[in-house]
């Protein structure tokens, strides 16, 4: 293919779809069986844990919106500094309950998993289902049931959730991944501050190649 990829890693819920499209690229299904087969213990595990800050930590993938899709390797040192900055800028604390449903190969996953864990908070990890599709209705119900305080959506998902109503304990909401209309920001702020006068809307953009985040914080219509 044009990407030059040699192998695809897929989640279990995507396995049938991968076969259905007739893709010729070899694939590995990332599931419990794979982890059991490749797990290590004892001395091997101890040796693996001895990491340096420049060692690879994670591979993130771009969608190709600014070029060809590609995987980017971030180091442990860079990832740690990045997530510390995000957690601080989004005011994540021990009481934070972050709703995490994003793909682990996409930048926002770092915010909503590692951010709360670094600050003593809680990650509400949306459970895996038979399909990789997450509906706004199910996502909202999960957030309501577990008291989510920090959430993040693409604009289209946020628009739907505003009609349904945000989870009643949300005080920090991130939106990005596409153009964010001012009108959507105004409606979101009104919904947030109906829950808490301290509610904040964060718009963010990050270039996967570097991981750096450009963030705007909105607390009033003047900020919009």
C-alpha atoms as a PDB file:
ATOM      1  CA  UNK A   1       0.000   0.000   0.000  1.00  0.00           C
ATOM      2  CA  UNK A   2       1.001   3.663  -0.215  1.00  0.00           C
ATOM      3  CA  UNK A   3       1.683   3.717   3.527  1.00  0.00           C
ATOM      4  CA  UNK A   4       4.334   1.006   3.262  1.00  0.00           C
ATOM      5  CA  UNK A   5       2.825  -0.841   6.240  1.00  0.00           C
ATOM      6  CA  UNK A   6       3.973  -4.428   6.821  1.00  0.00           C
ATOM      7  CA  UNK A   7       1.545  -5.493   9.558  1.00  0.00           C
ATOM      8  CA  UNK A   8      -1.748  -4.340  11.085  1.00  0.00           C
ATOM      9  CA  UNK A   9      -2.658  -4.562  14.781  1.00  0.00           C
ATOM     10  CA  UNK A  10      -6.428  -4.831  15.249  1.00  0.00           C
ATOM     11  CA  UNK A  11      -8.808  -5.137  18.191  1.00  0.00           C
ATOM     12  CA  UNK A  12     -11.049  -8.241  18.460  1.00  0.00           C
ATOM     13  CA  UNK A  13     -14.221  -6.350  17.494  1.00  0.00           C
ATOM     14  CA  UNK A  14     -12.602  -5.315  14.194  1.00  0.00           C
ATOM     15  CA  UNK A  15     -11.429  -8.785  13.147  1.00  0.00           C
ATOM     16  CA  UNK A  16     -14.496  -9.713  11.087  1.00  0.00           C
ATOM     17  CA  UNK A  17     -14.574  -6.322   9.385  1.00  0.00           C
ATOM     18  CA  UNK A  18     -10.894  -6.641   8.484  1.00  0.00           C
ATOM     19  CA  UNK A  19     -11.575  -9.944   6.748  1.00  0.00           C
ATOM     20  CA  UNK A  20     -14.715  -8.597   5.067  1.00  0.00           C
ATOM     21  CA  UNK A  21     -12.880  -5.758   3.301  1.00  0.00           C
ATOM     22  CA  UNK A  22     -10.457  -8.254   1.771  1.00  0.00           C
ATOM     23  CA  UNK A  23      -7.324  -6.535   3.058  1.00  0.00           C
ATOM     24  CA  UNK A  24      -4.126  -8.274   1.964  1.00  0.00           C
ATOM     25  CA  UNK A  25      -2.001  -6.899   4.802  1.00  0.00           C
ATOM     26  CA  UNK A  26      -1.182  -9.491   7.513  1.00  0.00           C
ATOM     27  CA  UNK A  27      -2.767  -8.710  10.875  1.00  0.00           C
ATOM     28  CA  UNK A  28      -2.365  -9.580  14.548  1.00  0.00           C
ATOM     29  CA  UNK A  29      -5.410  -9.473  16.819  1.00  0.00           C
ATOM     30  CA  UNK A  30      -4.566  -7.788  20.132  1.00  0.00           C
ATOM     31  CA  UNK A  31      -6.535  -9.788  22.717  1.00  0.00           C
ATOM     32  CA  UNK A  32      -6.087 -11.723  25.965  1.00  0.00           C
ATOM     33  CA  UNK A  33      -4.631 -14.708  24.136  1.00  0.00           C
ATOM     34  CA  UNK A  34      -1.900 -12.555  22.618  1.00  0.00           C
ATOM     35  CA  UNK A  35      -0.960 -11.075  25.996  1.00  0.00           C
ATOM     36  CA  UNK A  36      -0.896 -14.532  27.580  1.00  0.00           C
ATOM     37  CA  UNK A  37       1.350 -15.803  24.799  1.00  0.00           C
ATOM     38  CA  UNK A  38       3.790 -12.899  25.003  1.00  0.00           C
ATOM     39  CA  UNK A  39       3.778 -12.263  28.776  1.00  0.00           C
ATOM     40  CA  UNK A  40       6.999 -12.422  30.770  1.00  0.00           C
ATOM     41  CA  UNK A  41       7.739 -13.009  34.434  1.00  0.00           C
ATOM     42  CA  UNK A  42      10.507 -13.078  36.988  1.00  0.00           C
ATOM     43  CA  UNK A  43      13.927 -11.892  35.845  1.00  0.00           C
ATOM     44  CA  UNK A  44      12.652 -11.008  32.374  1.00  0.00           C
ATOM     45  CA  UNK A  45      10.013  -8.660  33.773  1.00  0.00           C
ATOM     46  CA  UNK A  46      12.566  -7.008  36.066  1.00  0.00           C
ATOM     47  CA  UNK A  47      14.932  -6.423  33.157  1.00  0.00           C
ATOM     48  CA  UNK A  48      12.191  -4.883  31.034  1.00  0.00           C
ATOM     49  CA  UNK A  49      11.244  -2.439  33.801  1.00  0.00           C
ATOM     50  CA  UNK A  50      14.708  -0.807  33.759  1.00  0.00           C
ATOM     51  CA  UNK A  51      13.878   1.999  31.375  1.00  0.00           C
ATOM     52  CA  UNK A  52      15.596   5.201  30.331  1.00  0.00           C
ATOM     53  CA  UNK A  53      13.721   8.391  29.506  1.00  0.00           C
ATOM     54  CA  UNK A  54      14.668   8.142  25.837  1.00  0.00           C
ATOM     55  CA  UNK A  55      13.324   4.593  25.501  1.00  0.00           C
ATOM     56  CA  UNK A  56      10.180   4.177  23.345  1.00  0.00           C
ATOM     57  CA  UNK A  57       6.940   4.307  25.352  1.00  0.00           C
ATOM     58  CA  UNK A  58       4.061   4.384  22.894  1.00  0.00           C
ATOM     59  CA  UNK A  59       3.247   4.429  19.197  1.00  0.00           C
ATOM     60  CA  UNK A  60       0.470   6.827  18.184  1.00  0.00           C
ATOM     61  CA  UNK A  61      -1.101   7.012  14.756  1.00  0.00           C
ATOM     62  CA  UNK A  62      -2.190   9.966  12.660  1.00  0.00           C
ATOM     63  CA  UNK A  63      -5.333   9.866  10.554  1.00  0.00           C
ATOM     64  CA  UNK A  64      -3.554  11.416   7.603  1.00  0.00           C
ATOM     65  CA  UNK A  65      -5.384  14.750   7.727  1.00  0.00           C
ATOM     66  CA  UNK A  66      -2.098  16.597   7.160  1.00  0.00           C
ATOM     67  CA  UNK A  67      -0.300  13.935   5.135  1.00  0.00           C
ATOM     68  CA  UNK A  68       0.028  10.174   4.851  1.00  0.00           C
ATOM     69  CA  UNK A  69      -1.168   8.145   7.864  1.00  0.00           C
ATOM     70  CA  UNK A  70       1.812   7.132   9.972  1.00  0.00           C
ATOM     71  CA  UNK A  71       2.843   5.787  13.347  1.00  0.00           C
ATOM     72  CA  UNK A  72       4.864   8.032  15.663  1.00  0.00           C
ATOM     73  CA  UNK A  73       7.034   6.786  18.538  1.00  0.00           C
ATOM     74  CA  UNK A  74       7.073   8.896  21.732  1.00  0.00           C
ATOM     75  CA  UNK A  75       9.649   8.356  24.475  1.00  0.00           C
ATOM     76  CA  UNK A  76       8.967   7.739  28.164  1.00  0.00           C
ATOM     77  CA  UNK A  77      10.499  11.082  29.118  1.00  0.00           C
ATOM     78  CA  UNK A  78       8.479  13.000  26.567  1.00  0.00           C
ATOM     79  CA  UNK A  79       5.255  11.170  27.398  1.00  0.00           C
ATOM     80  CA  UNK A  80       5.684  11.827  31.126  1.00  0.00           C
ATOM     81  CA  UNK A  81       6.306  15.558  30.616  1.00  0.00           C
ATOM     82  CA  UNK A  82       3.399  15.815  28.178  1.00  0.00           C
ATOM     83  CA  UNK A  83       0.864  14.125  30.444  1.00  0.00           C
ATOM     84  CA  UNK A  84       1.985  16.106  33.507  1.00  0.00           C
ATOM     85  CA  UNK A  85       1.325  19.294  31.558  1.00  0.00           C
ATOM     86  CA  UNK A  86      -2.098  18.129  30.396  1.00  0.00           C
ATOM     87  CA  UNK A  87      -3.128  17.028  33.896  1.00  0.00           C
ATOM     88  CA  UNK A  88      -2.108  20.400  35.328  1.00  0.00           C
ATOM     89  CA  UNK A  89      -3.766  22.457  32.595  1.00  0.00           C
ATOM     90  CA  UNK A  90      -7.012  20.488  32.931  1.00  0.00           C
ATOM     91  CA  UNK A  91      -6.966  20.815  36.736  1.00  0.00           C
ATOM     92  CA  UNK A  92      -7.025  17.072  37.329  1.00  0.00           C
ATOM     93  CA  UNK A  93      -6.877  16.196  41.036  1.00  0.00           C
ATOM     94  CA  UNK A  94      -7.545  13.267  43.374  1.00  0.00           C
ATOM     95  CA  UNK A  95     -11.318  13.706  42.939  1.00  0.00           C
ATOM     96  CA  UNK A  96     -11.122  13.597  39.141  1.00  0.00           C
ATOM     97  CA  UNK A  97     -13.037  10.854  37.355  1.00  0.00           C
ATOM     98  CA  UNK A  98     -12.062  10.951  33.691  1.00  0.00           C
ATOM     99  CA  UNK A  99     -14.185   9.232  31.066  1.00  0.00           C
ATOM    100  CA  UNK A 100     -11.852   7.220  28.829  1.00  0.00           C
ATOM    101  CA  UNK A 101     -13.220   5.598  25.704  1.00  0.00           C
ATOM    102  CA  UNK A 102     -10.739   6.765  23.067  1.00  0.00           C
ATOM    103  CA  UNK A 103      -8.586   4.461  20.974  1.00  0.00           C
ATOM    104  CA  UNK A 104      -5.229   3.805  22.708  1.00  0.00           C
ATOM    105  CA  UNK A 105      -3.515   4.835  19.477  1.00  0.00           C
ATOM    106  CA  UNK A 106      -5.005   8.373  19.503  1.00  0.00           C
ATOM    107  CA  UNK A 107      -3.622  11.352  21.454  1.00  0.00           C
ATOM    108  CA  UNK A 108      -6.635  12.055  23.771  1.00  0.00           C
ATOM    109  CA  UNK A 109      -6.254   8.571  25.234  1.00  0.00           C
ATOM    110  CA  UNK A 110      -3.127   9.821  27.013  1.00  0.00           C
ATOM    111  CA  UNK A 111      -5.032  12.706  28.639  1.00  0.00           C
ATOM    112  CA  UNK A 112      -7.912  10.702  30.025  1.00  0.00           C
ATOM    113  CA  UNK A 113      -5.946   7.666  31.190  1.00  0.00           C
ATOM    114  CA  UNK A 114      -2.595   8.931  32.441  1.00  0.00           C
ATOM    115  CA  UNK A 115      -3.790  12.403  33.526  1.00  0.00           C
ATOM    116  CA  UNK A 116      -6.015  11.229  36.386  1.00  0.00           C
ATOM    117  CA  UNK A 117      -3.667   8.395  37.331  1.00  0.00           C
ATOM    118  CA  UNK A 118      -0.782  10.855  37.796  1.00  0.00           C
ATOM    119  CA  UNK A 119      -2.859  13.018  40.139  1.00  0.00           C
ATOM    120  CA  UNK A 120      -4.458  10.243  42.196  1.00  0.00           C
ATOM    121  CA  UNK A 121      -7.733  10.411  40.291  1.00  0.00           C
ATOM    122  CA  UNK A 122      -9.773   7.703  38.626  1.00  0.00           C
ATOM    123  CA  UNK A 123     -10.026   6.567  35.006  1.00  0.00           C
ATOM    124  CA  UNK A 124     -13.512   5.433  33.991  1.00  0.00           C
ATOM    125  CA  UNK A 125     -12.598   3.023  31.225  1.00  0.00           C
ATOM    126  CA  UNK A 126     -15.572   2.347  28.962  1.00  0.00           C
ATOM    127  CA  UNK A 127     -15.962  -1.458  28.736  1.00  0.00           C
ATOM    128  CA  UNK A 128     -15.284  -3.315  25.519  1.00  0.00           C
ATOM    129  CA  UNK A 129     -18.388  -4.547  23.714  1.00  0.00           C
ATOM    130  CA  UNK A 130     -19.144  -6.710  20.707  1.00  0.00           C
ATOM    131  CA  UNK A 131     -18.594  -3.698  18.448  1.00  0.00           C
ATOM    132  CA  UNK A 132     -15.938  -0.970  18.522  1.00  0.00           C
ATOM    133  CA  UNK A 133     -18.705   1.607  17.964  1.00  0.00           C
ATOM    134  CA  UNK A 134     -19.526   3.773  21.009  1.00  0.00           C
ATOM    135  CA  UNK A 135     -22.929   5.490  20.947  1.00  0.00           C
ATOM    136  CA  UNK A 136     -23.566   8.853  22.652  1.00  0.00           C
ATOM    137  CA  UNK A 137     -26.436   7.295  24.627  1.00  0.00           C
ATOM    138  CA  UNK A 138     -24.277   4.511  26.074  1.00  0.00           C
ATOM    139  CA  UNK A 139     -21.397   6.871  26.748  1.00  0.00           C
ATOM    140  CA  UNK A 140     -23.614   9.312  28.622  1.00  0.00           C
ATOM    141  CA  UNK A 141     -25.221   6.513  30.669  1.00  0.00           C
ATOM    142  CA  UNK A 142     -21.777   5.222  31.659  1.00  0.00           C
ATOM    143  CA  UNK A 143     -20.611   8.713  32.632  1.00  0.00           C
ATOM    144  CA  UNK A 144     -23.751   9.338  34.691  1.00  0.00           C
ATOM    145  CA  UNK A 145     -23.535   5.977  36.454  1.00  0.00           C
ATOM    146  CA  UNK A 146     -19.922   6.471  37.526  1.00  0.00           C
ATOM    147  CA  UNK A 147     -19.906  10.221  38.199  1.00  0.00           C
ATOM    148  CA  UNK A 148     -17.584  11.394  35.414  1.00  0.00           C
ATOM    149  CA  UNK A 149     -16.063  14.839  36.078  1.00  0.00           C
ATOM    150  CA  UNK A 150     -13.737  15.187  33.064  1.00  0.00           C
ATOM    151  CA  UNK A 151     -14.738  14.230  29.537  1.00  0.00           C
ATOM    152  CA  UNK A 152     -13.596  14.851  25.978  1.00  0.00           C
ATOM    153  CA  UNK A 153     -15.365  14.580  22.630  1.00  0.00           C
ATOM    154  CA  UNK A 154     -15.083  15.433  18.967  1.00  0.00           C
ATOM    155  CA  UNK A 155     -17.497  18.265  18.000  1.00  0.00           C
ATOM    156  CA  UNK A 156     -20.114  15.997  16.383  1.00  0.00           C
ATOM    157  CA  UNK A 157     -20.335  13.760  19.466  1.00  0.00           C
ATOM    158  CA  UNK A 158     -20.484  16.777  21.773  1.00  0.00           C
ATOM    159  CA  UNK A 159     -23.358  18.260  19.772  1.00  0.00           C
ATOM    160  CA  UNK A 160     -25.418  15.089  20.280  1.00  0.00           C
ATOM    161  CA  UNK A 161     -24.580  14.863  23.978  1.00  0.00           C
ATOM    162  CA  UNK A 162     -25.683  18.441  24.576  1.00  0.00           C
ATOM    163  CA  UNK A 163     -29.136  17.434  23.367  1.00  0.00           C
ATOM    164  CA  UNK A 164     -29.156  14.449  25.731  1.00  0.00           C
ATOM    165  CA  UNK A 165     -27.635  16.416  28.601  1.00  0.00           C
ATOM    166  CA  UNK A 166     -24.108  16.213  29.997  1.00  0.00           C
ATOM    167  CA  UNK A 167     -23.383  13.858  32.906  1.00  0.00           C
ATOM    168  CA  UNK A 168     -24.387  15.854  36.026  1.00  0.00           C
ATOM    169  CA  UNK A 169     -20.934  16.008  37.656  1.00  0.00           C
ATOM    170  CA  UNK A 170     -18.867  17.180  34.675  1.00  0.00           C
ATOM    171  CA  UNK A 171     -16.776  20.305  35.364  1.00  0.00           C
ATOM    172  CA  UNK A 172     -14.097  19.958  32.685  1.00  0.00           C
ATOM    173  CA  UNK A 173     -14.817  19.209  29.037  1.00  0.00           C
ATOM    174  CA  UNK A 174     -12.364  18.936  26.160  1.00  0.00           C
ATOM    175  CA  UNK A 175     -13.287  19.176  22.495  1.00  0.00           C
ATOM    176  CA  UNK A 176     -11.096  18.768  19.423  1.00  0.00           C
ATOM    177  CA  UNK A 177     -10.214  16.547  16.504  1.00  0.00           C
ATOM    178  CA  UNK A 178     -12.078  18.818  14.061  1.00  0.00           C
ATOM    179  CA  UNK A 179     -13.132  22.443  13.687  1.00  0.00           C
ATOM    180  CA  UNK A 180     -15.046  23.636  16.770  1.00  0.00           C
ATOM    181  CA  UNK A 181     -17.777  26.204  15.943  1.00  0.00           C
ATOM    182  CA  UNK A 182     -18.137  29.186  18.280  1.00  0.00           C
ATOM    183  CA  UNK A 183     -21.857  28.469  18.613  1.00  0.00           C
ATOM    184  CA  UNK A 184     -21.085  24.974  19.913  1.00  0.00           C
ATOM    185  CA  UNK A 185     -18.665  26.436  22.471  1.00  0.00           C
ATOM    186  CA  UNK A 186     -21.312  28.891  23.692  1.00  0.00           C
ATOM    187  CA  UNK A 187     -23.890  26.139  24.181  1.00  0.00           C
ATOM    188  CA  UNK A 188     -21.358  23.885  25.875  1.00  0.00           C
ATOM    189  CA  UNK A 189     -20.290  26.582  28.336  1.00  0.00           C
ATOM    190  CA  UNK A 190     -23.919  27.223  29.248  1.00  0.00           C
ATOM    191  CA  UNK A 191     -24.467  23.505  29.891  1.00  0.00           C
ATOM    192  CA  UNK A 192     -21.235  23.185  31.893  1.00  0.00           C
ATOM    193  CA  UNK A 193     -21.881  26.197  34.081  1.00  0.00           C
ATOM    194  CA  UNK A 194     -25.435  25.093  34.754  1.00  0.00           C
ATOM    195  CA  UNK A 195     -23.746  22.169  36.499  1.00  0.00           C
ATOM    196  CA  UNK A 196     -20.936  24.163  38.137  1.00  0.00           C
ATOM    197  CA  UNK A 197     -19.987  27.867  37.900  1.00  0.00           C
ATOM    198  CA  UNK A 198     -16.367  26.711  37.718  1.00  0.00           C
ATOM    199  CA  UNK A 199     -16.939  24.568  34.624  1.00  0.00           C
ATOM    200  CA  UNK A 200     -14.262  24.937  31.930  1.00  0.00           C
ATOM    201  CA  UNK A 201     -14.281  24.108  28.223  1.00  0.00           C
ATOM    202  CA  UNK A 202     -10.922  23.152  26.721  1.00  0.00           C
ATOM    203  CA  UNK A 203     -10.263  23.139  23.007  1.00  0.00           C
ATOM    204  CA  UNK A 204      -7.087  21.375  22.043  1.00  0.00           C
ATOM    205  CA  UNK A 205      -5.042  20.415  19.034  1.00  0.00           C
ATOM    206  CA  UNK A 206      -2.004  18.179  19.120  1.00  0.00           C
ATOM    207  CA  UNK A 207       0.294  17.184  16.331  1.00  0.00           C
ATOM    208  CA  UNK A 208       0.933  13.482  16.833  1.00  0.00           C
ATOM    209  CA  UNK A 209       4.416  13.885  15.374  1.00  0.00           C
ATOM    210  CA  UNK A 210       5.447  15.868  18.458  1.00  0.00           C
ATOM    211  CA  UNK A 211       2.623  15.395  20.934  1.00  0.00           C
ATOM    212  CA  UNK A 212       2.650  19.077  21.913  1.00  0.00           C
ATOM    213  CA  UNK A 213      -0.794  20.410  22.765  1.00  0.00           C
ATOM    214  CA  UNK A 214      -2.162  23.826  21.822  1.00  0.00           C
ATOM    215  CA  UNK A 215      -4.966  24.515  24.264  1.00  0.00           C
ATOM    216  CA  UNK A 216      -7.552  27.257  24.787  1.00  0.00           C
ATOM    217  CA  UNK A 217      -9.480  27.464  28.051  1.00  0.00           C
ATOM    218  CA  UNK A 218     -12.949  28.986  27.978  1.00  0.00           C
ATOM    219  CA  UNK A 219     -14.801  30.071  31.098  1.00  0.00           C
ATOM    220  CA  UNK A 220     -17.130  32.702  29.643  1.00  0.00           C
ATOM    221  CA  UNK A 221     -18.652  33.906  26.379  1.00  0.00           C
ATOM    222  CA  UNK A 222     -15.878  36.507  26.202  1.00  0.00           C
ATOM    223  CA  UNK A 223     -13.340  33.674  25.955  1.00  0.00           C
ATOM    224  CA  UNK A 224     -15.274  32.168  23.044  1.00  0.00           C
END
